[in-house]
Protein backbone atom coordinates (compact mmCIF):
# COMPACT_ATOMS: atom_id res chain seq x y z
CA MET A 1 13.59 -23.17 -37.60
CA SER A 2 10.62 -21.62 -35.83
CA ILE A 3 8.26 -18.70 -36.12
CA GLU A 4 7.70 -15.84 -33.69
CA LEU A 5 4.25 -14.98 -32.32
CA ASP A 6 2.86 -11.68 -31.06
CA PRO A 7 1.36 -12.03 -28.50
CA SER A 8 3.66 -14.87 -27.62
CA SER A 9 1.70 -16.73 -24.94
CA GLN A 10 -1.81 -15.32 -24.39
CA LEU A 11 -4.74 -13.98 -26.39
CA SER A 12 -6.90 -11.67 -24.26
CA PHE A 13 -10.60 -11.09 -24.89
CA ARG A 14 -12.16 -8.21 -22.99
CA ARG A 15 -15.67 -8.40 -21.57
CA PRO A 16 -18.56 -8.18 -22.31
CA LEU A 17 -18.34 -11.58 -23.98
CA THR A 18 -21.93 -11.37 -25.17
CA GLU A 19 -20.56 -9.55 -28.23
CA ALA A 20 -18.23 -10.87 -30.93
CA ILE A 21 -14.62 -9.94 -30.10
CA LYS A 22 -11.76 -9.90 -32.61
CA GLU A 23 -8.07 -10.09 -31.73
CA THR A 24 -4.97 -10.13 -33.93
CA LEU A 25 -2.21 -12.72 -33.84
CA ILE A 26 0.98 -11.80 -35.71
CA ILE A 27 3.17 -14.56 -37.13
CA ARG A 28 6.75 -13.57 -38.01
CA ASN A 29 9.31 -15.54 -40.00
CA PRO A 30 12.87 -14.66 -38.86
CA THR A 31 14.46 -17.42 -40.99
CA GLN A 32 15.78 -17.47 -44.55
CA LEU A 33 13.25 -20.02 -45.84
CA PRO A 34 9.50 -19.73 -46.31
CA ILE A 35 7.52 -21.25 -43.46
CA ALA A 36 4.14 -22.92 -43.64
CA PHE A 37 1.83 -22.57 -40.63
CA LYS A 38 -1.47 -23.91 -39.41
CA VAL A 39 -3.58 -22.75 -36.45
CA LYS A 40 -5.66 -25.18 -34.36
CA THR A 41 -7.88 -24.58 -31.31
CA THR A 42 -9.47 -26.63 -28.56
CA ALA A 43 -12.81 -24.85 -29.14
CA PRO A 44 -13.34 -24.70 -32.94
CA LYS A 45 -17.03 -23.76 -32.56
CA GLN A 46 -16.18 -20.78 -30.34
CA TYR A 47 -13.41 -19.20 -32.44
CA CYS A 48 -13.08 -18.28 -36.10
CA VAL A 49 -9.48 -17.99 -37.40
CA ARG A 50 -8.69 -16.27 -40.72
CA PRO A 51 -6.45 -17.45 -42.26
CA ASN A 52 -6.09 -20.67 -40.30
CA SER A 53 -3.17 -21.81 -42.51
CA GLY A 54 -0.75 -20.35 -45.03
CA ARG A 55 2.88 -19.37 -45.48
CA VAL A 56 5.13 -16.54 -44.37
CA GLU A 57 8.03 -15.44 -46.53
CA PRO A 58 11.55 -14.97 -45.08
CA GLY A 59 11.79 -11.85 -42.91
CA GLN A 60 8.07 -11.13 -43.28
CA GLU A 61 5.06 -11.29 -40.98
CA LEU A 62 1.40 -12.13 -41.38
CA GLU A 63 -1.65 -11.03 -39.40
CA VAL A 64 -4.13 -13.70 -38.35
CA GLN A 65 -7.58 -12.55 -37.21
CA VAL A 66 -9.02 -14.53 -34.29
CA GLN A 67 -12.71 -13.82 -33.65
CA MET A 68 -14.50 -15.17 -30.61
CA GLN A 69 -18.19 -15.78 -31.17
CA ALA A 70 -20.65 -13.96 -28.89
CA MET A 71 -21.81 -15.88 -25.83
CA LYS A 72 -25.38 -16.01 -24.62
CA GLU A 73 -24.30 -14.58 -21.25
CA ASP A 74 -21.12 -13.45 -19.56
CA PRO A 75 -19.40 -16.12 -17.45
CA PRO A 76 -18.71 -15.30 -13.78
CA ALA A 77 -15.98 -12.78 -13.02
CA ASP A 78 -13.74 -15.47 -11.52
CA PHE A 79 -14.17 -17.83 -14.47
CA LYS A 80 -10.88 -19.24 -15.77
CA CYS A 81 -10.83 -19.75 -19.52
CA LYS A 82 -9.23 -23.04 -20.56
CA ASP A 83 -9.33 -22.50 -24.33
CA LYS A 84 -6.01 -22.78 -26.16
CA PHE A 85 -4.53 -22.32 -29.61
CA LEU A 86 -1.81 -24.40 -31.23
CA VAL A 87 0.30 -22.87 -33.99
CA GLN A 88 2.23 -25.43 -36.06
CA SER A 89 4.98 -24.45 -38.47
CA ILE A 90 7.56 -26.05 -40.75
CA ALA A 91 10.11 -24.78 -43.25
CA ILE A 92 9.20 -25.08 -46.90
CA THR A 93 12.16 -26.69 -48.66
CA ALA A 94 12.68 -26.87 -52.43
CA GLU A 95 11.02 -30.31 -52.55
CA ARG A 96 7.96 -29.08 -50.69
CA GLU A 97 7.63 -26.09 -53.02
CA GLN A 98 6.47 -28.52 -55.71
CA LEU A 99 3.51 -29.75 -53.65
CA PRO A 100 0.05 -28.22 -54.16
CA PRO A 101 -1.12 -26.20 -51.12
CA ALA A 102 -3.90 -28.69 -50.39
CA GLU A 103 -1.40 -31.57 -50.19
CA LEU A 104 1.34 -29.78 -48.25
CA TRP A 105 0.22 -30.48 -44.68
CA PRO A 106 -1.06 -34.03 -45.29
CA THR A 107 2.31 -34.90 -46.84
CA ILE A 108 4.27 -33.25 -44.01
CA GLU A 109 2.24 -35.07 -41.34
CA GLN A 110 2.94 -38.37 -43.04
CA GLU A 111 6.60 -37.94 -44.00
CA ALA A 112 8.11 -35.25 -41.70
CA LYS A 113 5.93 -35.09 -38.63
CA ASP A 114 8.99 -34.87 -36.35
CA GLN A 115 10.05 -31.63 -38.06
CA ILE A 116 6.87 -29.74 -37.17
CA ARG A 117 7.37 -26.98 -34.60
CA GLU A 118 4.52 -26.14 -32.23
CA LYS A 119 3.70 -23.15 -30.02
CA LYS A 120 0.74 -22.92 -27.66
CA ILE A 121 -1.25 -19.82 -26.79
CA ARG A 122 -3.82 -19.73 -24.00
CA CYS A 123 -6.91 -17.54 -23.85
CA ALA A 124 -7.90 -15.15 -21.06
CA PHE A 125 -11.02 -13.09 -20.33
CA LEU A 126 -10.35 -9.52 -19.15
CA PRO A 127 -12.76 -7.15 -17.34
CA PRO A 128 -14.35 -4.33 -19.36
CA LEU A 129 -12.42 -1.11 -19.87
CA ASP A 130 -14.69 0.99 -17.64
CA ALA A 131 -14.28 -1.49 -14.77
CA THR A 132 -10.50 -1.45 -15.21
CA ALA A 133 -10.43 2.36 -15.18
CA GLN A 134 -12.70 2.41 -12.12
CA GLY A 135 -10.42 -0.03 -10.32
CA GLU A 136 -7.38 2.11 -11.07
CA GLN A 137 -9.23 5.21 -9.86
CA ASN A 138 -10.22 3.47 -6.60
CA THR A 139 -6.63 2.38 -6.06
CA HIS A 140 -5.47 5.98 -6.62
CA ASN A 141 -8.06 7.32 -4.18
CA VAL A 142 -7.07 4.81 -1.49
CA ASP A 143 -3.42 5.73 -1.88
CA ALA A 144 -4.22 9.45 -1.73
CA SER A 145 -6.44 9.13 1.35
CA SER A 146 -4.25 6.71 3.29
CA PRO A 147 -2.87 8.24 6.51
CA THR A 148 0.76 9.28 6.59
CA HIS A 149 3.18 8.89 9.49
CA SER A 150 3.18 12.58 10.41
CA PHE A 151 0.80 14.28 12.89
CA GLN A 152 -0.86 17.62 12.24
CA GLN A 153 -0.30 20.24 14.90
CA SER A 154 -3.31 22.40 15.72
CA GLU A 155 -2.88 26.14 16.08
CA PRO A 156 -2.70 27.35 19.74
CA ALA A 157 -5.44 29.64 21.05
CA PRO A 158 -4.77 33.41 20.90
CA GLY A 159 -2.62 34.56 23.80
CA HIS A 160 -1.65 31.00 24.68
CA SER A 161 1.75 29.51 23.97
CA PRO A 162 2.47 25.81 24.48
CA SER A 163 4.84 24.77 27.22
CA PRO A 164 8.45 24.00 26.21
CA HIS A 165 7.98 20.32 27.06
CA THR A 166 4.80 20.03 24.96
CA GLU A 167 6.46 21.82 22.06
CA ALA A 168 9.50 19.52 22.29
CA ILE A 169 7.29 16.42 22.23
CA ARG A 170 5.31 17.66 19.19
CA THR A 171 8.47 18.58 17.34
CA GLY A 172 10.03 15.22 18.05
CA ILE A 173 6.94 13.32 16.84
CA ASN A 174 6.57 15.34 13.65
CA SER A 175 10.23 15.10 12.73
CA SER A 176 10.59 11.34 13.21
CA PRO A 177 8.12 8.54 12.44
CA ASN A 178 10.08 6.12 14.66
CA SER A 179 7.52 4.37 16.88
CA ALA A 180 10.13 3.61 19.56
CA GLU A 181 10.91 7.31 20.04
CA VAL A 182 7.20 8.12 20.21
CA LEU A 183 6.67 5.51 22.92
CA THR A 184 9.62 6.85 24.89
CA LEU A 185 8.25 10.40 24.76
CA LYS A 186 4.81 9.19 25.83
CA ARG A 187 6.29 7.36 28.81
CA GLU A 188 8.24 10.46 29.84
CA LEU A 189 5.07 12.53 29.60
CA GLU A 190 3.13 10.05 31.75
CA THR A 191 5.94 10.04 34.35
CA ALA A 192 5.91 13.85 34.47
CA GLN A 193 2.13 13.88 34.88
CA GLU A 194 2.36 11.41 37.77
CA THR A 195 5.03 13.55 39.42
CA ILE A 196 2.88 16.68 39.04
CA HIS A 197 -0.08 14.84 40.56
CA THR A 198 2.05 13.73 43.54
CA LEU A 199 3.37 17.26 44.10
CA ARG A 200 -0.13 18.71 43.91
CA SER A 201 -1.27 16.25 46.58
CA SER A 202 1.67 17.33 48.76
CA ILE A 203 0.72 20.99 48.25
CA ASP A 204 -2.88 20.32 49.26
CA LYS A 205 -1.72 18.45 52.35
CA LEU A 206 0.65 21.27 53.35
CA GLN A 207 -2.09 23.85 52.83
CA GLN A 208 -4.41 21.89 55.12
CA GLU A 209 -1.73 21.68 57.81
CA THR A 210 -1.05 25.44 57.48
CA ASN A 211 -4.72 26.28 57.84
CA THR A 212 -4.92 24.05 60.92
CA LEU A 213 -1.96 25.80 62.53
CA ARG A 214 -3.43 29.24 61.83
CA GLN A 215 -6.81 28.29 63.30
CA ARG A 216 -5.33 27.16 66.62
CA LYS A 217 -6.03 29.53 69.55
CA PRO A 218 -3.04 31.14 71.27
CA GLU A 219 -2.09 29.52 74.56
CA SER A 220 -2.51 31.22 77.99
CA SER A 221 -0.08 33.85 79.21
CA SER A 222 1.40 31.38 81.66
CA SER A 223 2.72 29.22 78.85
CA PRO A 224 6.35 29.70 77.99
CA ALA A 225 7.18 32.04 75.17
CA PRO A 226 7.74 30.49 71.77
CA THR A 227 11.28 29.62 70.95
CA PRO A 228 13.18 31.78 68.48
CA SER A 229 13.06 29.01 65.87
CA VAL A 230 9.24 28.89 65.99
CA VAL A 231 9.01 32.65 65.75
CA HIS A 232 11.35 32.56 62.79
CA LEU A 233 9.16 29.95 61.09
CA ASN A 234 6.01 32.01 61.63
CA GLN A 235 7.71 35.02 60.15
CA ALA A 236 8.75 33.00 57.10
CA GLN A 237 5.17 31.79 56.68
CA VAL A 238 3.82 35.33 56.93
CA GLY A 239 6.34 36.70 54.43
CA TYR A 240 6.28 33.75 51.98
CA PRO A 241 3.19 31.50 51.94
CA ILE A 242 3.89 27.77 51.79
CA THR A 243 2.02 27.44 48.48
CA TYR A 244 4.50 29.81 46.82
CA VAL A 245 7.47 27.92 48.21
CA VAL A 246 6.12 24.53 47.08
CA GLY A 247 5.05 25.89 43.68
CA ALA A 248 8.53 27.26 43.10
CA ALA A 249 9.94 23.84 44.00
CA VAL A 250 7.58 22.14 41.51
CA VAL A 251 8.57 24.50 38.71
CA ALA A 252 12.28 24.00 39.46
CA PHE A 253 11.82 20.22 39.48
CA LEU A 254 9.97 20.15 36.17
CA PHE A 255 12.48 22.47 34.55
CA ALA A 256 15.40 20.30 35.67
CA TYR A 257 13.60 17.06 34.70
CA LEU A 258 12.55 18.11 31.23
CA PHE A 259 15.60 20.03 30.04
CA PHE A 260 18.52 18.42 31.91
């Protein structure tokens, strides 16, 4: 037969500990016999227990007030309290009912010490309520301000619409937080930029060659007439500048690369 305690394993005393703090320990008797109890502590000068002994009738409960005396100063925040309480209990049989209350426990300890049930409760020091609330508020603020896995898309300038490839990349990033897909899209973008740079260099080179050809002086009248193929090339250059031809090729390449 044993009693039930509430709290069952820990008595908590909230800071500041420079003031007297009172906590309640409830002792319940779930049995069909009266139970005698006694409360002991490892720090009797620090705690005052009322009542520190008594009896609990069957199916009843009793409140025990545990008051911690005020300390001269608060211990450090990381201080681990080692104080403990020991609650002893034993069933009161018909024979023990005849004993005076002052002789009950001395007789039990002499004659039926092996029948005594014991439960230990440790003590803990908690931070003050305002510090606890502040800690919860800080945790809430950190959670609220933590970055999410989606990227915000800025509004385009008036009259400007993003290219299909840029729009596809932004849509893909916003719709999926998968880092592998993001890396793949970045690599494709870098490859496209390198290709554009190469094509621009080719365009510049072709423009320089075209300007050189145009600046050449015509040969003397004794030189043979240009072949039909050369004349045809000059006509193509006059009708369609080389920059337009190369630019159209670049656009066709990018369109095929990005969408097919």
